[in-house]
Amino acid sequence: MANSILVGAQWGDEGKGKIIDFLTEKADIVVRSQGGNNAGHTVIVEGKKYVLHLIPSGILRKGTMCVIGNGVVIDAVSLAEEITGLRKKGIRVTKDNLLISDAAHLTLPHHRALDRAKETAKGAGKIGTTGRGIGPTYSDKAARTGLRTGDLMDARRFSERLKSRLTDANAQLGLLGGETVDFKQANAQYLAAAKTIIPFLGNTVVWLADAVRENKEILFEGAQGTFLDIDFGTYPYVTSSNTTAGGACTGSGVPPNRISKVWGTMKAYTTRVGEGPFPTENDELGDFLHGLGREFGATTGRARRCGWFDAVFTRYAAIVNGIDDIAVTNTDGLDTMATIKVCTAYKLGRKTLEYPPTDLDALAECKPIYEEYDGWQKDTTSARKWGDLPVKCRKYLQAIARLTGAKLSIVSVGPGREQTIVV
């Protein structure tokens, strides 16, 4: 496997957690390089469900080292709770299998308060964030006013810097009509969480450089999806980090010439949460999938918006990320459909577009051009190899890979590890 990056090729929630868990069987190290606890990776192992927010999915594999890189924004209280929760479930979390960058920025209580207040102030124009404070944390990082995990190692310094930041943040919250943050309470919470976090802190850049020299197999775990990328996504309805393959390098310190493969994960249909244009959105399909108990956010519980597979977007994702191989998940979600649509291009006025326009007003005007495929109308959840899948299912999967422009390598037909087919 060498050094591989796995990214979401849609708007997130593509089942990356499961695919990462599957690929981790051959990996020595799993690295998380961007985003925060707004992400949620769901992995089911031997019937047990684990929802991970900050810790890489590799924590569920014995002998795998997990690294949280400098590009991640860390809510220390949430991370401490996640570590404690995993330990209660019998998962080993020690310095021997988890390393956290001492240069990662901290998501603090005022970031969450600002996130909520700004969304409320936007009214109908809201972005649809998770309210976890991710955007304001990255804003402070860019403004060079943020606090980092390394600051937790000096309690006096941390408290002084937090108090200074809260003075400015509370003034802003007052103007927005938001609830201000109490310094003593916030300080006590984070210093308590620091006791759990500090033993894991270190220079992850140097540690990963040594691992590369030792020819360790490294898997970079993406969070969110390509079209939530701050540069390449459907701006402004995006997250605040680089969710594409390039973000794995800047968020970890591992240079691009040390990467050998990029994996793209995508659903057999399309979903997204939050606001923004969604050309293939289909309420009937959404009602059907929600009725099956599918497509609710692992982090927020929100019902996801659902639509037909959009090859216009996945084609662009393949270019932006340099995707070599794709993993298609949730194939079984379409098992009972008689007819399945795939968007192959857009119609914008008199123009036919093979790639999404950058301008969101133009994207909102795009009409999908569909090809229709016969559904297989057979249960696929018991399939364990490519030949077990119905012929019509294979034809459909091959079509969406061809339209995306990457090699079909993995098909998922359920949440379990064993429900993963290597093509």
Protein backbone atom coordinates (compact mmCIF):
# COMPACT_ATOMS: atom_id res chain seq x y z
CA MET A 1 0.00 0.00 0.00
CA ALA A 2 2.99 2.33 0.64
CA ASN A 3 1.86 5.86 1.62
CA SER A 4 -1.75 6.48 0.65
CA ILE A 5 -4.26 9.28 1.09
CA LEU A 6 -7.96 8.53 1.36
CA VAL A 7 -10.37 11.38 0.62
CA GLY A 8 -14.10 11.78 0.24
CA ALA A 9 -15.05 12.46 -3.38
CA GLN A 10 -18.42 14.06 -2.62
CA TRP A 11 -19.70 16.28 0.25
CA GLY A 12 -18.52 14.06 3.09
CA ASP A 13 -20.28 11.16 4.82
CA GLU A 14 -19.10 8.80 2.07
CA GLY A 15 -18.24 5.97 4.46
CA LYS A 16 -14.56 6.88 4.79
CA GLY A 17 -14.38 5.50 8.32
CA LYS A 18 -15.24 2.01 7.18
CA ILE A 19 -12.89 2.07 4.18
CA ILE A 20 -10.06 3.45 6.29
CA ASP A 21 -10.66 0.70 8.84
CA PHE A 22 -10.50 -1.87 6.02
CA LEU A 23 -7.30 -0.43 4.51
CA THR A 24 -5.71 -0.09 7.95
CA GLU A 25 -5.28 -3.86 8.08
CA LYS A 26 -2.18 -3.32 5.94
CA ALA A 27 -1.10 0.03 7.40
CA ASP A 28 1.42 0.68 10.15
CA ILE A 29 0.26 4.26 10.77
CA VAL A 30 -2.98 6.18 10.25
CA VAL A 31 -2.78 9.98 10.14
CA ARG A 32 -5.57 12.52 10.55
CA SER A 33 -4.49 15.82 8.99
CA GLN A 34 -7.39 18.32 8.94
CA GLY A 35 -10.81 19.20 10.30
CA GLY A 36 -12.00 18.82 13.86
CA ASN A 37 -14.69 17.11 15.86
CA ASN A 38 -17.24 18.21 13.26
CA ALA A 39 -16.31 14.98 11.47
CA GLY A 40 -17.79 11.63 12.41
CA HIS A 41 -16.41 8.31 11.22
CA THR A 42 -18.65 5.33 11.97
CA VAL A 43 -17.01 1.91 12.11
CA ILE A 44 -18.71 -1.37 13.04
CA VAL A 45 -16.46 -4.14 14.31
CA GLU A 46 -17.90 -7.52 15.36
CA GLY A 47 -21.32 -5.94 15.76
CA LYS A 48 -20.07 -3.07 17.93
CA LYS A 49 -20.54 0.49 16.67
CA TYR A 50 -17.81 3.08 17.17
CA VAL A 51 -18.26 6.74 16.21
CA LEU A 52 -14.91 8.51 16.07
CA HIS A 53 -14.59 12.30 15.84
CA LEU A 54 -10.92 13.22 16.29
CA ILE A 55 -9.03 9.96 16.80
CA PRO A 56 -8.12 8.12 13.56
CA SER A 57 -10.05 4.95 12.80
CA GLY A 58 -6.83 2.96 13.07
CA ILE A 59 -7.25 3.02 16.85
CA LEU A 60 -9.56 0.00 16.41
CA ARG A 61 -6.72 -2.09 14.93
CA LYS A 62 -4.13 -3.68 17.20
CA GLY A 63 -0.57 -2.74 16.32
CA THR A 64 -1.55 0.40 14.38
CA MET A 65 -0.14 3.79 15.35
CA CYS A 66 -2.51 6.78 15.12
CA VAL A 67 -1.32 10.33 14.57
CA ILE A 68 -3.32 13.57 14.82
CA GLY A 69 -1.41 16.09 12.73
CA ASN A 70 -0.80 19.82 12.93
CA GLY A 71 -3.62 20.61 10.47
CA VAL A 72 -6.33 19.30 12.80
CA VAL A 73 -8.18 21.66 15.16
CA ILE A 74 -8.68 20.00 18.52
CA ASP A 75 -11.40 20.52 21.10
CA ALA A 76 -9.38 19.23 24.05
CA VAL A 77 -12.45 18.52 26.18
CA SER A 78 -14.09 16.53 23.38
CA LEU A 79 -10.86 14.63 22.68
CA ALA A 80 -10.38 13.75 26.35
CA GLU A 81 -13.96 12.44 26.43
CA GLU A 82 -13.35 10.43 23.25
CA ILE A 83 -10.23 8.81 24.73
CA THR A 84 -12.09 7.98 27.94
CA GLY A 85 -15.07 6.60 26.01
CA LEU A 86 -12.90 4.30 23.90
CA ARG A 87 -11.11 2.99 26.97
CA LYS A 88 -14.47 2.21 28.59
CA LYS A 89 -15.31 0.12 25.51
CA GLY A 90 -12.11 -1.87 25.94
CA ILE A 91 -10.09 -0.07 23.25
CA ARG A 92 -6.48 0.51 24.18
CA VAL A 93 -5.41 4.17 23.89
CA THR A 94 -1.86 4.83 25.09
CA LYS A 95 1.30 6.70 24.04
CA ASP A 96 2.21 3.56 22.12
CA ASN A 97 -0.69 3.93 19.66
CA LEU A 98 -1.62 7.64 19.67
CA LEU A 99 0.52 10.71 19.02
CA ILE A 100 -0.89 14.25 18.83
CA SER A 101 0.83 17.25 17.26
CA ASP A 102 1.88 19.92 19.71
CA ALA A 103 1.29 22.45 16.90
CA ALA A 104 -2.40 21.64 16.33
CA HIS A 105 -4.73 24.54 17.12
CA LEU A 106 -7.27 24.37 19.94
CA THR A 107 -11.00 24.78 19.49
CA LEU A 108 -12.15 26.66 22.59
CA PRO A 109 -15.57 27.52 24.08
CA HIS A 110 -15.66 30.98 22.48
CA HIS A 111 -15.17 29.40 19.05
CA ARG A 112 -18.32 27.34 19.50
CA ALA A 113 -20.22 30.37 20.81
CA LEU A 114 -19.09 32.49 17.85
CA ASP A 115 -19.99 29.73 15.40
CA ARG A 116 -23.55 29.55 16.73
CA ALA A 117 -23.98 33.33 17.01
CA LYS A 118 -22.76 33.96 13.46
CA GLU A 119 -25.04 31.28 12.03
CA THR A 120 -28.01 32.74 13.88
CA ALA A 121 -27.18 36.23 12.64
CA LYS A 122 -27.14 35.03 9.01
CA GLY A 123 -30.71 33.82 9.25
CA ALA A 124 -31.85 32.35 5.92
CA GLY A 125 -28.33 32.80 4.54
CA LYS A 126 -26.75 30.42 7.06
CA ILE A 127 -24.10 27.97 5.89
CA GLY A 128 -25.37 25.04 7.95
CA THR A 129 -22.31 24.41 10.11
CA THR A 130 -22.25 21.81 12.89
CA GLY A 131 -21.82 24.57 15.47
CA ARG A 132 -18.65 22.91 16.77
CA GLY A 133 -16.52 26.06 16.38
CA ILE A 134 -14.35 24.77 13.53
CA GLY A 135 -14.58 27.86 11.30
CA PRO A 136 -13.75 30.37 14.06
CA THR A 137 -10.80 28.19 15.15
CA TYR A 138 -9.31 28.25 11.65
CA SER A 139 -10.05 32.00 11.49
CA ASP A 140 -7.96 32.53 14.63
CA LYS A 141 -5.24 30.33 13.15
CA ALA A 142 -5.09 32.47 10.00
CA ALA A 143 -5.23 35.66 12.08
CA ARG A 144 -2.34 34.35 14.21
CA THR A 145 -4.28 34.73 17.44
CA GLY A 146 -5.01 31.06 18.13
CA LEU A 147 -3.88 28.81 20.96
CA ARG A 148 -2.21 25.48 20.22
CA THR A 149 -2.09 22.16 22.02
CA GLY A 150 1.49 22.89 23.08
CA ASP A 151 0.18 25.81 25.12
CA LEU A 152 -1.56 23.31 27.40
CA MET A 153 1.83 22.18 28.72
CA ASP A 154 2.29 25.50 30.54
CA ALA A 155 -0.84 26.13 32.61
CA ARG A 156 0.01 29.75 33.45
CA ARG A 157 0.78 30.65 29.85
CA PHE A 158 -2.38 28.92 28.61
CA SER A 159 -4.56 30.76 31.14
CA GLU A 160 -3.05 34.15 30.26
CA ARG A 161 -3.55 33.62 26.53
CA LEU A 162 -7.07 32.28 26.96
CA LYS A 163 -8.05 35.26 29.12
CA SER A 164 -6.71 37.67 26.49
CA ARG A 165 -8.58 35.93 23.66
CA LEU A 166 -11.82 35.80 25.64
CA THR A 167 -11.72 39.57 26.16
CA ASP A 168 -11.86 40.09 22.39
CA ALA A 169 -14.22 37.17 21.70
CA ASN A 170 -16.74 38.20 24.36
CA ALA A 171 -16.83 41.73 22.95
CA GLN A 172 -17.63 40.27 19.54
CA LEU A 173 -20.23 37.93 21.02
CA GLY A 174 -21.88 40.91 22.71
CA LEU A 175 -22.23 42.67 19.34
CA LEU A 176 -23.69 39.50 17.80
CA GLY A 177 -26.13 38.98 20.64
CA GLY A 178 -24.49 35.67 21.56
CA GLU A 179 -23.87 34.24 25.01
CA THR A 180 -20.47 35.26 26.40
CA VAL A 181 -17.99 32.74 27.81
CA ASP A 182 -16.95 32.63 31.47
CA PHE A 183 -13.15 32.58 31.75
CA LYS A 184 -12.90 30.65 35.02
CA GLN A 185 -15.19 27.88 33.80
CA ALA A 186 -13.50 27.57 30.41
CA ASN A 187 -10.02 27.65 31.91
CA ALA A 188 -10.85 24.95 34.47
CA GLN A 189 -12.40 22.70 31.79
CA TYR A 190 -9.40 22.87 29.50
CA LEU A 191 -6.76 22.51 32.17
CA ALA A 192 -8.60 19.40 33.39
CA ALA A 193 -8.70 18.01 29.84
CA ALA A 194 -5.00 18.86 29.46
CA LYS A 195 -4.12 16.17 32.01
CA THR A 196 -5.46 13.56 29.59
CA ILE A 197 -4.05 15.16 26.42
CA ILE A 198 -0.50 16.20 27.40
CA PRO A 199 1.02 12.68 27.56
CA PHE A 200 0.21 12.23 23.86
CA LEU A 201 1.74 15.50 22.59
CA GLY A 202 4.87 15.63 20.47
CA ASN A 203 6.49 16.75 17.21
CA THR A 204 4.53 14.66 14.72
CA VAL A 205 6.39 16.07 11.69
CA VAL A 206 9.73 14.66 12.83
CA TRP A 207 8.13 11.41 13.99
CA LEU A 208 6.45 10.88 10.59
CA ALA A 209 9.67 11.75 8.74
CA ASP A 210 11.41 8.96 10.65
CA ALA A 211 8.54 6.58 9.82
CA VAL A 212 8.87 7.43 6.11
CA ARG A 213 12.60 6.72 6.23
CA GLU A 214 11.87 3.38 7.87
CA ASN A 215 9.47 2.53 4.99
CA LYS A 216 6.44 2.30 7.25
CA GLU A 217 3.07 2.03 5.51
CA ILE A 218 1.16 5.25 6.19
CA LEU A 219 -2.51 5.92 5.49
CA PHE A 220 -3.76 9.51 5.62
CA GLU A 221 -7.37 9.69 6.78
CA GLY A 222 -9.42 12.48 5.24
CA ALA A 223 -12.34 14.13 7.01
CA GLN A 224 -15.38 15.67 5.30
CA GLY A 225 -15.29 15.56 1.47
CA THR A 226 -13.84 17.24 -1.61
CA PHE A 227 -16.73 19.67 -2.08
CA LEU A 228 -16.47 20.93 1.46
CA ASP A 229 -12.88 22.03 0.73
CA ILE A 230 -12.26 25.71 1.49
CA ASP A 231 -10.67 26.22 -1.96
CA PHE A 232 -12.32 23.65 -4.24
CA GLY A 233 -15.72 23.13 -2.63
CA THR A 234 -19.08 24.79 -3.18
CA TYR A 235 -17.94 27.98 -1.46
CA PRO A 236 -19.17 29.47 0.85
CA TYR A 237 -21.09 26.30 1.81
CA VAL A 238 -17.89 24.55 2.83
CA THR A 239 -15.82 23.70 5.88
CA SER A 240 -12.75 25.76 6.84
CA SER A 241 -9.92 23.38 5.94
CA ASN A 242 -8.44 21.70 2.86
CA THR A 243 -10.29 18.39 2.67
CA THR A 244 -8.59 17.39 -0.58
CA ALA A 245 -5.44 15.30 -1.00
CA GLY A 246 -3.13 18.31 -0.80
CA GLY A 247 -4.39 19.01 2.72
CA ALA A 248 -2.93 15.72 3.89
CA CYS A 249 0.56 17.03 3.17
CA THR A 250 0.19 20.50 4.69
CA GLY A 251 -1.71 19.08 7.65
CA SER A 252 0.92 16.47 8.50
CA GLY A 253 4.26 17.77 7.25
CA VAL A 254 4.77 14.75 4.98
CA PRO A 255 5.83 16.10 1.56
CA PRO A 256 3.94 15.27 -1.69
CA ASN A 257 6.82 13.25 -3.15
CA ARG A 258 6.36 10.71 -0.36
CA ILE A 259 2.77 9.89 -1.41
CA SER A 260 2.26 6.93 -3.72
CA LYS A 261 -1.54 6.61 -4.08
CA VAL A 262 -4.78 8.52 -3.59
CA TRP A 263 -8.02 6.71 -2.82
CA GLY A 264 -11.40 8.34 -3.37
CA THR A 265 -14.44 7.18 -1.43
CA MET A 266 -17.93 7.82 -2.79
CA LYS A 267 -21.44 6.58 -2.22
CA ALA A 268 -23.36 4.78 -4.95
CA TYR A 269 -25.60 7.87 -4.82
CA THR A 270 -24.98 11.40 -3.49
CA THR A 271 -25.68 13.04 -0.13
CA ARG A 272 -24.81 16.27 1.61
CA VAL A 273 -25.70 18.17 4.79
CA GLY A 274 -25.98 21.89 5.24
CA GLU A 275 -27.01 24.51 2.72
CA GLY A 276 -25.99 25.14 -0.88
CA PRO A 277 -26.89 24.02 -4.41
CA PHE A 278 -27.30 20.27 -4.98
CA PRO A 279 -28.21 19.61 -8.65
CA THR A 280 -29.21 15.94 -8.34
CA GLU A 281 -31.14 16.29 -5.07
CA ASN A 282 -34.25 14.13 -5.13
CA ASP A 283 -36.78 14.25 -2.30
CA GLU A 284 -38.31 10.90 -3.24
CA LEU A 285 -34.93 9.17 -3.02
CA GLY A 286 -34.23 10.98 0.26
CA ASP A 287 -37.53 9.86 1.77
CA PHE A 288 -36.79 6.29 0.67
CA LEU A 289 -33.30 6.24 2.21
CA HIS A 290 -34.43 7.93 5.42
CA GLY A 291 -37.22 5.38 5.63
CA LEU A 292 -34.56 2.66 5.62
CA GLY A 293 -32.96 4.36 8.62
CA ARG A 294 -30.06 5.59 6.49
CA GLU A 295 -28.45 8.96 5.96
CA PHE A 296 -28.45 10.64 9.32
CA GLY A 297 -25.30 12.47 10.43
CA ALA A 298 -22.94 10.63 12.79
CA THR A 299 -21.99 13.91 14.48
CA THR A 300 -25.23 15.91 14.47
CA GLY A 301 -27.96 13.33 13.76
CA ARG A 302 -29.28 15.62 11.01
CA ALA A 303 -31.06 13.99 8.08
CA ARG A 304 -28.80 14.23 5.04
CA ARG A 305 -30.01 15.60 1.73
CA CYS A 306 -30.00 12.84 -0.88
CA GLY A 307 -29.74 12.68 -4.65
CA TRP A 308 -28.70 10.53 -7.59
CA PHE A 309 -25.04 9.83 -8.30
CA ASP A 310 -23.41 12.97 -9.71
CA ALA A 311 -20.50 12.10 -12.00
CA VAL A 312 -19.95 15.78 -12.82
CA PHE A 313 -18.71 16.33 -9.28
CA THR A 314 -16.83 13.03 -8.84
CA ARG A 315 -15.09 13.63 -12.19
CA TYR A 316 -13.85 16.96 -10.86
CA ALA A 317 -12.88 15.36 -7.54
CA ALA A 318 -10.71 12.86 -9.42
CA ILE A 319 -8.83 15.74 -11.03
CA VAL A 320 -8.40 17.87 -7.90
CA ASN A 321 -7.21 14.96 -5.75
CA GLY A 322 -5.40 12.88 -8.35
CA ILE A 323 -7.58 9.90 -7.43
CA ASP A 324 -6.14 6.56 -8.56
CA ASP A 325 -8.61 4.09 -7.06
CA ILE A 326 -12.18 4.44 -5.83
CA ALA A 327 -14.15 2.71 -3.12
CA VAL A 328 -17.93 2.78 -3.62
CA THR A 329 -20.01 2.47 -0.45
CA ASN A 330 -23.70 2.08 0.37
CA THR A 331 -24.30 0.03 -2.76
CA ASP A 332 -26.88 -1.97 -0.83
CA GLY A 333 -28.92 1.20 -0.32
CA LEU A 334 -30.07 0.87 -3.94
CA ASP A 335 -30.89 -2.85 -3.78
CA THR A 336 -34.64 -2.45 -4.21
CA MET A 337 -34.64 0.31 -6.84
CA ALA A 338 -36.20 -0.59 -10.22
CA THR A 339 -34.43 2.25 -12.06
CA ILE A 340 -31.34 4.20 -11.03
CA LYS A 341 -30.26 7.53 -12.46
CA VAL A 342 -26.73 8.83 -12.95
CA CYS A 343 -25.97 12.46 -13.76
CA THR A 344 -23.39 12.52 -16.58
CA ALA A 345 -23.37 16.26 -17.36
CA TYR A 346 -25.20 19.53 -16.66
CA LYS A 347 -27.24 21.75 -18.90
CA LEU A 348 -26.70 25.47 -18.21
CA GLY A 349 -28.68 27.50 -20.71
CA ARG A 350 -27.43 26.30 -24.07
CA LYS A 351 -24.16 24.95 -22.67
CA THR A 352 -23.41 21.37 -21.68
CA LEU A 353 -20.99 21.16 -18.75
CA GLU A 354 -18.86 18.15 -17.80
CA TYR A 355 -17.48 19.89 -14.70
CA PRO A 356 -19.28 21.97 -12.04
CA PRO A 357 -19.14 25.76 -12.43
CA THR A 358 -17.31 27.69 -9.71
CA ASP A 359 -20.08 30.29 -9.49
CA LEU A 360 -22.81 29.07 -7.14
CA ASP A 361 -25.56 31.03 -8.85
CA ALA A 362 -24.67 29.23 -12.07
CA LEU A 363 -24.56 25.89 -10.25
CA ALA A 364 -28.03 26.53 -8.86
CA GLU A 365 -29.27 26.99 -12.44
CA CYS A 366 -27.70 23.74 -13.70
CA LYS A 367 -30.05 20.97 -14.79
CA PRO A 368 -28.71 17.41 -14.55
CA ILE A 369 -28.48 15.28 -17.68
CA TYR A 370 -29.24 11.70 -16.67
CA GLU A 371 -28.52 8.22 -17.90
CA GLU A 372 -30.79 5.52 -16.52
CA TYR A 373 -29.71 2.04 -15.42
CA ASP A 374 -31.82 -0.96 -14.59
CA GLY A 375 -31.82 -1.72 -10.89
CA TRP A 376 -30.74 -5.20 -9.79
CA GLN A 377 -33.56 -5.58 -7.23
CA LYS A 378 -31.63 -8.23 -5.32
CA ASP A 379 -30.06 -8.18 -1.88
CA THR A 380 -26.31 -7.55 -2.03
CA THR A 381 -25.49 -7.52 1.69
CA SER A 382 -24.31 -11.13 1.69
CA ALA A 383 -21.99 -10.68 -1.32
CA ARG A 384 -18.36 -11.28 -0.43
CA LYS A 385 -16.66 -11.18 -3.83
CA TRP A 386 -17.18 -9.36 -7.13
CA GLY A 387 -18.83 -12.33 -8.80
CA ASP A 388 -21.45 -12.51 -6.03
CA LEU A 389 -22.91 -9.16 -7.07
CA PRO A 390 -25.81 -9.14 -9.56
CA VAL A 391 -24.75 -8.46 -13.14
CA LYS A 392 -26.79 -5.24 -13.26
CA CYS A 393 -25.13 -4.06 -10.07
CA ARG A 394 -21.69 -4.67 -11.53
CA LYS A 395 -22.65 -2.83 -14.69
CA TYR A 396 -23.81 0.16 -12.67
CA LEU A 397 -20.65 0.27 -10.53
CA GLN A 398 -18.42 0.01 -13.59
CA ALA A 399 -20.35 2.86 -15.20
CA ILE A 400 -19.88 5.29 -12.31
CA ALA A 401 -16.17 4.41 -12.13
CA ARG A 402 -15.79 5.04 -15.87
CA LEU A 403 -17.64 8.35 -15.61
CA THR A 404 -15.46 9.36 -12.65
CA GLY A 405 -12.26 8.39 -14.44
CA ALA A 406 -10.67 6.16 -11.80
CA LYS A 407 -10.22 2.47 -11.13
CA LEU A 408 -12.96 0.66 -9.17
CA SER A 409 -11.14 -1.23 -6.42
CA ILE A 410 -13.50 -1.63 -3.44
CA VAL A 411 -17.27 -2.06 -3.13
CA SER A 412 -19.05 -1.90 0.23
CA VAL A 413 -22.42 -3.63 0.68
CA GLY A 414 -22.99 -2.98 4.39
CA PRO A 415 -21.41 -1.51 7.51
CA GLY A 416 -19.47 -4.61 8.64
CA ARG A 417 -15.81 -5.25 7.87
CA GLU A 418 -16.77 -8.49 6.17
CA GLN A 419 -19.19 -6.65 3.84
CA THR A 420 -16.28 -5.25 1.82
CA ILE A 421 -15.47 -6.54 -1.66
CA VAL A 422 -12.06 -6.15 -3.26
CA VAL A 423 -12.58 -5.85 -7.01
